Amino acid sequence: MGWAVKIEEVNRVVQDFLNEVLKKEGTIVKTSKTSEGWEVQVEIIEENAYVKALGIPARVMDRNFYEAKLSDDLDVVSYARVGQFPVTRRAS
């Protein structure tokens, strides 16, 4: 199996996992092979949880970055949000 096919499979596993767990789709921004398996970083645009919890009607969005780690057998062994950046959206 070529590396491009393997990376495509790794990315699909991570997308499916995060879609199931977070109920959101994201954009894969990095996939890398490590000595322990695979690491994949995904960018997901999400509504700011704090603003939403306050009940403020403004939609404030965040760019959240998640990292998933997979074994060589493509089992997801961990995932975590590793970064968050506000997104400025103009009212339409």
PDB file of N, CA and C in Angstrom:
ATOM      1  N   MET A   1       0.858  -1.187   0.000  1.00  0.00           N
ATOM      2  CA  MET A   1       0.000   0.000   0.000  1.00  0.00           C
ATOM      3  C   MET A   1       0.893   1.235   0.000  1.00  0.00           C
ATOM      4  N   GLY A   2       0.664   2.165  -0.931  1.00  0.00           N
ATOM      5  CA  GLY A   2       1.472   3.375  -1.012  1.00  0.00           C
ATOM      6  C   GLY A   2       1.160   4.343   0.118  1.00  0.00           C
ATOM      7  N   TRP A   3       2.108   5.263   0.380  1.00  0.00           N
ATOM      8  CA  TRP A   3       1.923   6.240   1.460  1.00  0.00           C
ATOM      9  C   TRP A   3       0.708   7.119   1.238  1.00  0.00           C
ATOM     10  N   ALA A   4       0.470   7.537  -0.001  1.00  0.00           N
ATOM     11  CA  ALA A   4      -0.681   8.417  -0.269  1.00  0.00           C
ATOM     12  C   ALA A   4      -1.987   7.713   0.079  1.00  0.00           C
ATOM     13  N   VAL A   5      -2.091   6.433  -0.245  1.00  0.00           N
ATOM     14  CA  VAL A   5      -3.295   5.668   0.074  1.00  0.00           C
ATOM     15  C   VAL A   5      -3.426   5.512   1.584  1.00  0.00           C
ATOM     16  N   LYS A   6      -2.321   5.243   2.265  1.00  0.00           N
ATOM     17  CA  LYS A   6      -2.332   5.078   3.717  1.00  0.00           C
ATOM     18  C   LYS A   6      -2.731   6.386   4.404  1.00  0.00           C
ATOM     19  N   ILE A   7      -2.183   7.500   3.968  1.00  0.00           N
ATOM     20  CA  ILE A   7      -2.529   8.798   4.547  1.00  0.00           C
ATOM     21  C   ILE A   7      -4.005   9.098   4.321  1.00  0.00           C
ATOM     22  N   GLU A   8      -4.500   8.793   3.145  1.00  0.00           N
ATOM     23  CA  GLU A   8      -5.913   8.999   2.851  1.00  0.00           C
ATOM     24  C   GLU A   8      -6.789   8.175   3.806  1.00  0.00           C
ATOM     25  N   GLU A   9      -6.388   6.953   4.082  1.00  0.00           N
ATOM     26  CA  GLU A   9      -7.133   6.083   4.998  1.00  0.00           C
ATOM     27  C   GLU A   9      -7.077   6.618   6.434  1.00  0.00           C
ATOM     28  N   VAL A  10      -5.893   7.065   6.860  1.00  0.00           N
ATOM     29  CA  VAL A  10      -5.725   7.650   8.193  1.00  0.00           C
ATOM     30  C   VAL A  10      -6.639   8.863   8.335  1.00  0.00           C
ATOM     31  N   ASN A  11      -6.623   9.742   7.341  1.00  0.00           N
ATOM     32  CA  ASN A  11      -7.453  10.946   7.383  1.00  0.00           C
ATOM     33  C   ASN A  11      -8.940  10.599   7.452  1.00  0.00           C
ATOM     34  N   ARG A  12      -9.360   9.589   6.707  1.00  0.00           N
ATOM     35  CA  ARG A  12     -10.766   9.180   6.719  1.00  0.00           C
ATOM     36  C   ARG A  12     -11.175   8.659   8.107  1.00  0.00           C
ATOM     37  N   VAL A  13     -10.302   7.875   8.741  1.00  0.00           N
ATOM     38  CA  VAL A  13     -10.584   7.347  10.078  1.00  0.00           C
ATOM     39  C   VAL A  13     -10.757   8.498  11.070  1.00  0.00           C
ATOM     40  N   VAL A  14      -9.872   9.492  11.001  1.00  0.00           N
ATOM     41  CA  VAL A  14      -9.942  10.633  11.923  1.00  0.00           C
ATOM     42  C   VAL A  14     -11.188  11.466  11.655  1.00  0.00           C
ATOM     43  N   GLN A  15     -11.492  11.739  10.388  1.00  0.00           N
ATOM     44  CA  GLN A  15     -12.697  12.517  10.052  1.00  0.00           C
ATOM     45  C   GLN A  15     -13.944  11.816  10.587  1.00  0.00           C
ATOM     46  N   ASP A  16     -14.048  10.515  10.358  1.00  0.00           N
ATOM     47  CA  ASP A  16     -15.206   9.758  10.838  1.00  0.00           C
ATOM     48  C   ASP A  16     -15.295   9.796  12.361  1.00  0.00           C
ATOM     49  N   PHE A  17     -14.164   9.637  13.034  1.00  0.00           N
ATOM     50  CA  PHE A  17     -14.134   9.652  14.491  1.00  0.00           C
ATOM     51  C   PHE A  17     -14.594  11.000  15.042  1.00  0.00           C
ATOM     52  N   LEU A  18     -14.004  12.102  14.557  1.00  0.00           N
ATOM     53  CA  LEU A  18     -14.365  13.423  15.068  1.00  0.00           C
ATOM     54  C   LEU A  18     -15.796  13.796  14.699  1.00  0.00           C
ATOM     55  N   ASN A  19     -16.251  13.378  13.528  1.00  0.00           N
ATOM     56  CA  ASN A  19     -17.633  13.637  13.130  1.00  0.00           C
ATOM     57  C   ASN A  19     -18.592  12.926  14.081  1.00  0.00           C
ATOM     58  N   GLU A  20     -18.238  11.720  14.490  1.00  0.00           N
ATOM     59  CA  GLU A  20     -19.086  10.967  15.415  1.00  0.00           C
ATOM     60  C   GLU A  20     -19.042  11.558  16.829  1.00  0.00           C
ATOM     61  N   VAL A  21     -17.857  11.931  17.285  1.00  0.00           N
ATOM     62  CA  VAL A  21     -17.689  12.438  18.649  1.00  0.00           C
ATOM     63  C   VAL A  21     -18.181  13.879  18.779  1.00  0.00           C
ATOM     64  N   LEU A  22     -17.773  14.748  17.851  1.00  0.00           N
ATOM     65  CA  LEU A  22     -18.096  16.176  17.945  1.00  0.00           C
ATOM     66  C   LEU A  22     -19.316  16.579  17.130  1.00  0.00           C
ATOM     67  N   LYS A  23     -19.776  15.694  16.261  1.00  0.00           N
ATOM     68  CA  LYS A  23     -20.910  15.974  15.370  1.00  0.00           C
ATOM     69  C   LYS A  23     -20.613  17.152  14.447  1.00  0.00           C
ATOM     70  N   LYS A  24     -19.325  17.283  14.079  1.00  0.00           N
ATOM     71  CA  LYS A  24     -18.898  18.359  13.189  1.00  0.00           C
ATOM     72  C   LYS A  24     -17.832  17.836  12.241  1.00  0.00           C
ATOM     73  N   GLU A  25     -17.773  18.469  11.069  1.00  0.00           N
ATOM     74  CA  GLU A  25     -16.720  18.138  10.116  1.00  0.00           C
ATOM     75  C   GLU A  25     -15.623  19.174  10.221  1.00  0.00           C
ATOM     76  N   GLY A  26     -14.425  18.766   9.856  1.00  0.00           N
ATOM     77  CA  GLY A  26     -13.306  19.680   9.925  1.00  0.00           C
ATOM     78  C   GLY A  26     -12.407  19.532   8.716  1.00  0.00           C
ATOM     79  N   THR A  27     -11.351  20.326   8.721  1.00  0.00           N
ATOM     80  CA  THR A  27     -10.359  20.305   7.664  1.00  0.00           C
ATOM     81  C   THR A  27      -9.054  19.773   8.229  1.00  0.00           C
ATOM     82  N   ILE A  28      -8.544  18.733   7.640  1.00  0.00           N
ATOM     83  CA  ILE A  28      -7.272  18.181   8.099  1.00  0.00           C
ATOM     84  C   ILE A  28      -6.161  19.109   7.637  1.00  0.00           C
ATOM     85  N   VAL A  29      -5.337  19.526   8.593  1.00  0.00           N
ATOM     86  CA  VAL A  29      -4.268  20.461   8.274  1.00  0.00           C
ATOM     87  C   VAL A  29      -2.882  19.830   8.392  1.00  0.00           C
ATOM     88  N   LYS A  30      -2.811  18.639   9.008  1.00  0.00           N
ATOM     89  CA  LYS A  30      -1.505  17.980   9.131  1.00  0.00           C
ATOM     90  C   LYS A  30      -1.716  16.500   9.435  1.00  0.00           C
ATOM     91  N   THR A  31      -0.975  15.664   8.739  1.00  0.00           N
ATOM     92  CA  THR A  31      -0.945  14.225   9.009  1.00  0.00           C
ATOM     93  C   THR A  31       0.510  13.805   9.008  1.00  0.00           C
ATOM     94  N   SER A  32       0.927  13.117  10.070  1.00  0.00           N
ATOM     95  CA  SER A  32       2.324  12.691  10.112  1.00  0.00           C
ATOM     96  C   SER A  32       2.446  11.314  10.743  1.00  0.00           C
ATOM     97  N   LYS A  33       3.409  10.570  10.236  1.00  0.00           N
ATOM     98  CA  LYS A  33       3.732   9.245  10.753  1.00  0.00           C
ATOM     99  C   LYS A  33       4.731   9.421  11.876  1.00  0.00           C
ATOM    100  N   THR A  34       4.504   8.735  12.989  1.00  0.00           N
ATOM    101  CA  THR A  34       5.430   8.777  14.115  1.00  0.00           C
ATOM    102  C   THR A  34       5.906   7.361  14.415  1.00  0.00           C
ATOM    103  N   SER A  35       6.819   7.256  15.347  1.00  0.00           N
ATOM    104  CA  SER A  35       7.313   5.928  15.724  1.00  0.00           C
ATOM    105  C   SER A  35       6.234   5.121  16.437  1.00  0.00           C
ATOM    106  N   GLU A  36       5.212   5.803  16.956  1.00  0.00           N
ATOM    107  CA  GLU A  36       4.145   5.133  17.704  1.00  0.00           C
ATOM    108  C   GLU A  36       2.870   4.960  16.882  1.00  0.00           C
ATOM    109  N   GLY A  37       2.812   5.512  15.684  1.00  0.00           N
ATOM    110  CA  GLY A  37       1.606   5.413  14.855  1.00  0.00           C
ATOM    111  C   GLY A  37       1.442   6.642  13.986  1.00  0.00           C
ATOM    112  N   TRP A  38       0.315   7.332  14.155  1.00  0.00           N
ATOM    113  CA  TRP A  38      -0.011   8.503  13.336  1.00  0.00           C
ATOM    114  C   TRP A  38      -0.511   9.643  14.208  1.00  0.00           C
ATOM    115  N   GLU A  39      -0.234  10.879  13.797  1.00  0.00           N
ATOM    116  CA  GLU A  39      -0.785  12.078  14.432  1.00  0.00           C
ATOM    117  C   GLU A  39      -1.449  12.913  13.350  1.00  0.00           C
ATOM    118  N   VAL A  40      -2.671  13.349  13.629  1.00  0.00           N
ATOM    119  CA  VAL A  40      -3.434  14.134  12.662  1.00  0.00           C
ATOM    120  C   VAL A  40      -3.992  15.360  13.371  1.00  0.00           C
ATOM    121  N   GLN A  41      -3.821  16.541  12.753  1.00  0.00           N
ATOM    122  CA  GLN A  41      -4.403  17.766  13.285  1.00  0.00           C
ATOM    123  C   GLN A  41      -5.538  18.206  12.371  1.00  0.00           C
ATOM    124  N   VAL A  42      -6.649  18.595  13.009  1.00  0.00           N
ATOM    125  CA  VAL A  42      -7.856  18.970  12.288  1.00  0.00           C
ATOM    126  C   VAL A  42      -8.333  20.333  12.782  1.00  0.00           C
ATOM    127  N   GLU A  43      -8.702  21.201  11.849  1.00  0.00           N
ATOM    128  CA  GLU A  43      -9.261  22.514  12.172  1.00  0.00           C
ATOM    129  C   GLU A  43     -10.780  22.421  12.050  1.00  0.00           C
ATOM    130  N   ILE A  44     -11.479  22.855  13.116  1.00  0.00           N
ATOM    131  CA  ILE A  44     -12.939  22.836  13.116  1.00  0.00           C
ATOM    132  C   ILE A  44     -13.436  24.211  13.569  1.00  0.00           C
ATOM    133  N   ILE A  45     -14.324  24.800  12.777  1.00  0.00           N
ATOM    134  CA  ILE A  45     -14.935  26.078  13.147  1.00  0.00           C
ATOM    135  C   ILE A  45     -16.154  25.764  14.010  1.00  0.00           C
ATOM    136  N   GLU A  46     -16.150  26.292  15.247  1.00  0.00           N
ATOM    137  CA  GLU A  46     -17.231  26.012  16.193  1.00  0.00           C
ATOM    138  C   GLU A  46     -17.704  27.303  16.845  1.00  0.00           C
ATOM    139  N   GLU A  47     -18.958  27.292  17.243  1.00  0.00           N
ATOM    140  CA  GLU A  47     -19.511  28.424  17.972  1.00  0.00           C
ATOM    141  C   GLU A  47     -18.815  28.505  19.332  1.00  0.00           C
ATOM    142  N   ASN A  48     -18.493  29.725  19.768  1.00  0.00           N
ATOM    143  CA  ASN A  48     -17.836  29.928  21.050  1.00  0.00           C
ATOM    144  C   ASN A  48     -18.762  29.471  22.170  1.00  0.00           C
ATOM    145  N   ALA A  49     -18.333  28.463  22.912  1.00  0.00           N
ATOM    146  CA  ALA A  49     -19.163  27.855  23.955  1.00  0.00           C
ATOM    147  C   ALA A  49     -19.478  28.834  25.084  1.00  0.00           C
ATOM    148  N   TYR A  50     -18.545  29.704  25.439  1.00  0.00           N
ATOM    149  CA  TYR A  50     -18.759  30.650  26.527  1.00  0.00           C
ATOM    150  C   TYR A  50     -19.842  31.660  26.164  1.00  0.00           C
ATOM    151  N   VAL A  51     -19.754  32.241  24.976  1.00  0.00           N
ATOM    152  CA  VAL A  51     -20.743  33.218  24.520  1.00  0.00           C
ATOM    153  C   VAL A  51     -22.110  32.552  24.402  1.00  0.00           C
ATOM    154  N   LYS A  52     -22.141  31.355  23.885  1.00  0.00           N
ATOM    155  CA  LYS A  52     -23.391  30.616  23.741  1.00  0.00           C
ATOM    156  C   LYS A  52     -24.016  30.334  25.105  1.00  0.00           C
ATOM    157  N   ALA A  53     -23.191  29.942  26.089  1.00  0.00           N
ATOM    158  CA  ALA A  53     -23.691  29.650  27.437  1.00  0.00           C
ATOM    159  C   ALA A  53     -24.263  30.887  28.117  1.00  0.00           C
ATOM    160  N   LEU A  54     -23.729  32.054  27.804  1.00  0.00           N
ATOM    161  CA  LEU A  54     -24.239  33.295  28.376  1.00  0.00           C
ATOM    162  C   LEU A  54     -25.561  33.716  27.754  1.00  0.00           C
ATOM    163  N   GLY A  55     -25.908  33.113  26.631  1.00  0.00           N
ATOM    164  CA  GLY A  55     -27.161  33.449  25.957  1.00  0.00           C
ATOM    165  C   GLY A  55     -27.091  34.727  25.151  1.00  0.00           C
ATOM    166  N   ILE A  56     -25.882  35.169  24.835  1.00  0.00           N
ATOM    167  CA  ILE A  56     -25.713  36.368  24.024  1.00  0.00           C
ATOM    168  C   ILE A  56     -26.095  36.019  22.589  1.00  0.00           C
ATOM    169  N   PRO A  57     -26.938  36.831  21.962  1.00  0.00           N
ATOM    170  CA  PRO A  57     -27.425  36.472  20.631  1.00  0.00           C
ATOM    171  C   PRO A  57     -26.368  36.522  19.519  1.00  0.00           C
ATOM    172  N   ALA A  58     -25.247  37.174  19.745  1.00  0.00           N
ATOM    173  CA  ALA A  58     -24.205  37.263  18.714  1.00  0.00           C
ATOM    174  C   ALA A  58     -23.563  35.899  18.510  1.00  0.00           C
ATOM    175  N   ARG A  59     -23.288  35.581  17.243  1.00  0.00           N
ATOM    176  CA  ARG A  59     -22.586  34.329  16.942  1.00  0.00           C
ATOM    177  C   ARG A  59     -21.097  34.612  16.872  1.00  0.00           C
ATOM    178  N   VAL A  60     -20.391  34.132  17.856  1.00  0.00           N
ATOM    179  CA  VAL A  60     -18.943  34.269  17.888  1.00  0.00           C
ATOM    180  C   VAL A  60     -18.367  32.887  17.603  1.00  0.00           C
ATOM    181  N   MET A  61     -17.513  32.819  16.594  1.00  0.00           N
ATOM    182  CA  MET A  61     -16.967  31.545  16.168  1.00  0.00           C
ATOM    183  C   MET A  61     -15.493  31.441  16.561  1.00  0.00           C
ATOM    184  N   ASP A  62     -15.062  30.226  16.832  1.00  0.00           N
ATOM    185  CA  ASP A  62     -13.666  29.946  17.145  1.00  0.00           C
ATOM    186  C   ASP A  62     -13.120  28.938  16.140  1.00  0.00           C
ATOM    187  N   ARG A  63     -11.852  29.105  15.811  1.00  0.00           N
ATOM    188  CA  ARG A  63     -11.124  28.092  15.040  1.00  0.00           C
ATOM    189  C   ARG A  63     -10.464  27.184  16.064  1.00  0.00           C
ATOM    190  N   ASN A  64     -10.974  25.979  16.197  1.00  0.00           N
ATOM    191  CA  ASN A  64     -10.405  25.034  17.149  1.00  0.00           C
ATOM    192  C   ASN A  64      -9.576  24.001  16.412  1.00  0.00           C
ATOM    193  N   PHE A  65      -8.441  23.675  16.992  1.00  0.00           N
ATOM    194  CA  PHE A  65      -7.565  22.673  16.419  1.00  0.00           C
ATOM    195  C   PHE A  65      -7.545  21.457  17.333  1.00  0.00           C
ATOM    196  N   TYR A  66      -7.806  20.306  16.748  1.00  0.00           N
ATOM    197  CA  TYR A  66      -7.805  19.038  17.469  1.00  0.00           C
ATOM    198  C   TYR A  66      -6.680  18.168  16.942  1.00  0.00           C
ATOM    199  N   GLU A  67      -6.121  17.364  17.831  1.00  0.00           N
ATOM    200  CA  GLU A  67      -5.099  16.412  17.427  1.00  0.00           C
ATOM    201  C   GLU A  67      -5.573  15.016  17.809  1.00  0.00           C
ATOM    202  N   ALA A  68      -5.520  14.114  16.866  1.00  0.00           N
ATOM    203  CA  ALA A  68      -5.861  12.716  17.124  1.00  0.00           C
ATOM    204  C   ALA A  68      -4.607  11.882  16.921  1.00  0.00           C
ATOM    205  N   LYS A  69      -4.425  10.904  17.799  1.00  0.00           N
ATOM    206  CA  LYS A  69      -3.305   9.976  17.674  1.00  0.00           C
ATOM    207  C   LYS A  69      -3.877   8.598  17.401  1.00  0.00           C
ATOM    208  N   LEU A  70      -3.281   7.936  16.415  1.00  0.00           N
ATOM    209  CA  LEU A  70      -3.724   6.611  16.016  1.00  0.00           C
ATOM    210  C   LEU A  70      -2.574   5.627  16.130  1.00  0.00           C
ATOM    211  N   SER A  71      -2.935   4.382  16.414  1.00  0.00           N
ATOM    212  CA  SER A  71      -1.940   3.311  16.417  1.00  0.00           C
ATOM    213  C   SER A  71      -1.604   2.958  14.963  1.00  0.00           C
ATOM    214  N   ASP A  72      -0.623   2.102  14.779  1.00  0.00           N
ATOM    215  CA  ASP A  72      -0.294   1.640  13.430  1.00  0.00           C
ATOM    216  C   ASP A  72      -1.450   0.869  12.798  1.00  0.00           C
ATOM    217  N   ASP A  73      -2.324   0.303  13.653  1.00  0.00           N
ATOM    218  CA  ASP A  73      -3.507  -0.425  13.170  1.00  0.00           C
ATOM    219  C   ASP A  73      -4.687   0.511  12.900  1.00  0.00           C
ATOM    220  N   LEU A  74      -4.456   1.831  13.014  1.00  0.00           N
ATOM    221  CA  LEU A  74      -5.450   2.887  12.776  1.00  0.00           C
ATOM    222  C   LEU A  74      -6.576   2.902  13.798  1.00  0.00           C
ATOM    223  N   ASP A  75      -6.276   2.481  15.026  1.00  0.00           N
ATOM    224  CA  ASP A  75      -7.202   2.660  16.135  1.00  0.00           C
ATOM    225  C   ASP A  75      -6.912   4.015  16.762  1.00  0.00           C
ATOM    226  N   VAL A  76      -7.952   4.820  17.008  1.00  0.00           N
ATOM    227  CA  VAL A  76      -7.763   6.115  17.656  1.00  0.00           C
ATOM    228  C   VAL A  76      -7.442   5.840  19.122  1.00  0.00           C
ATOM    229  N   VAL A  77      -6.274   6.281  19.570  1.00  0.00           N
ATOM    230  CA  VAL A  77      -5.866   6.039  20.949  1.00  0.00           C
ATOM    231  C   VAL A  77      -6.029   7.272  21.824  1.00  0.00           C
ATOM    232  N   SER A  78      -6.100   8.468  21.200  1.00  0.00           N
ATOM    233  CA  SER A  78      -6.364   9.679  21.975  1.00  0.00           C
ATOM    234  C   SER A  78      -6.733  10.819  21.026  1.00  0.00           C
ATOM    235  N   TYR A  79      -7.429  11.806  21.601  1.00  0.00           N
ATOM    236  CA  TYR A  79      -7.674  13.043  20.866  1.00  0.00           C
ATOM    237  C   TYR A  79      -7.821  14.151  21.882  1.00  0.00           C
ATOM    238  N   ALA A  80      -7.511  15.369  21.474  1.00  0.00           N
ATOM    239  CA  ALA A  80      -7.614  16.523  22.361  1.00  0.00           C
ATOM    240  C   ALA A  80      -7.678  17.791  21.538  1.00  0.00           C
ATOM    241  N   ARG A  81      -8.331  18.808  22.105  1.00  0.00           N
ATOM    242  CA  ARG A  81      -8.264  20.126  21.478  1.00  0.00           C
ATOM    243  C   ARG A  81      -6.921  20.708  21.879  1.00  0.00           C
ATOM    244  N   VAL A  82      -6.158  21.159  20.900  1.00  0.00           N
ATOM    245  CA  VAL A  82      -4.805  21.630  21.172  1.00  0.00           C
ATOM    246  C   VAL A  82      -4.629  23.123  20.937  1.00  0.00           C
ATOM    247  N   GLY A  83      -5.646  23.779  20.406  1.00  0.00           N
ATOM    248  CA  GLY A  83      -5.533  25.212  20.177  1.00  0.00           C
ATOM    249  C   GLY A  83      -6.876  25.814  19.848  1.00  0.00           C
ATOM    250  N   GLN A  84      -6.991  27.123  20.108  1.00  0.00           N
ATOM    251  CA  GLN A  84      -8.239  27.823  19.828  1.00  0.00           C
ATOM    252  C   GLN A  84      -7.914  29.263  19.461  1.00  0.00           C
ATOM    253  N   PHE A  85      -8.534  29.711  18.364  1.00  0.00           N
ATOM    254  CA  PHE A  85      -8.334  31.070  17.907  1.00  0.00           C
ATOM    255  C   PHE A  85      -9.675  31.656  17.504  1.00  0.00           C
ATOM    256  N   PRO A  86      -9.978  32.894  17.920  1.00  0.00           N
ATOM    257  CA  PRO A  86     -11.259  33.504  17.514  1.00  0.00           C
ATOM    258  C   PRO A  86     -11.280  33.786  16.017  1.00  0.00           C
ATOM    259  N   VAL A  87     -12.468  33.696  15.465  1.00  0.00           N
ATOM    260  CA  VAL A  87     -12.679  33.990  14.051  1.00  0.00           C
ATOM    261  C   VAL A  87     -13.541  35.234  13.978  1.00  0.00           C
ATOM    262  N   THR A  88     -13.123  36.207  13.198  1.00  0.00           N
ATOM    263  CA  THR A  88     -13.923  37.416  13.005  1.00  0.00           C
ATOM    264  C   THR A  88     -14.844  37.199  11.829  1.00  0.00           C
ATOM    265  N   ARG A  89     -16.140  37.313  12.091  1.00  0.00           N
ATOM    266  CA  ARG A  89     -17.142  37.181  11.011  1.00  0.00           C
ATOM    267  C   ARG A  89     -17.921  38.474  10.938  1.00  0.00           C
ATOM    268  N   ARG A  90     -18.070  38.969   9.744  1.00  0.00           N
ATOM    269  CA  ARG A  90     -18.836  40.189   9.555  1.00  0.00           C
ATOM    270  C   ARG A  90     -20.296  39.841   9.397  1.00  0.00           C
ATOM    271  N   ALA A  91     -21.133  40.689   9.927  1.00  0.00           N
ATOM    272  CA  ALA A  91     -22.575  40.491   9.770  1.00  0.00           C
ATOM    273  C   ALA A  91     -22.947  40.670   8.317  1.00  0.00           C
ATOM    274  N   SER A  92     -23.839  39.794   7.839  1.00  0.00           N
ATOM    275  CA  SER A  92     -24.238  39.924   6.429  1.00  0.00           C
ATOM    276  C   SER A  92     -25.538  40.653   6.277  1.00  0.00           C
TER     277      SER A  92
END
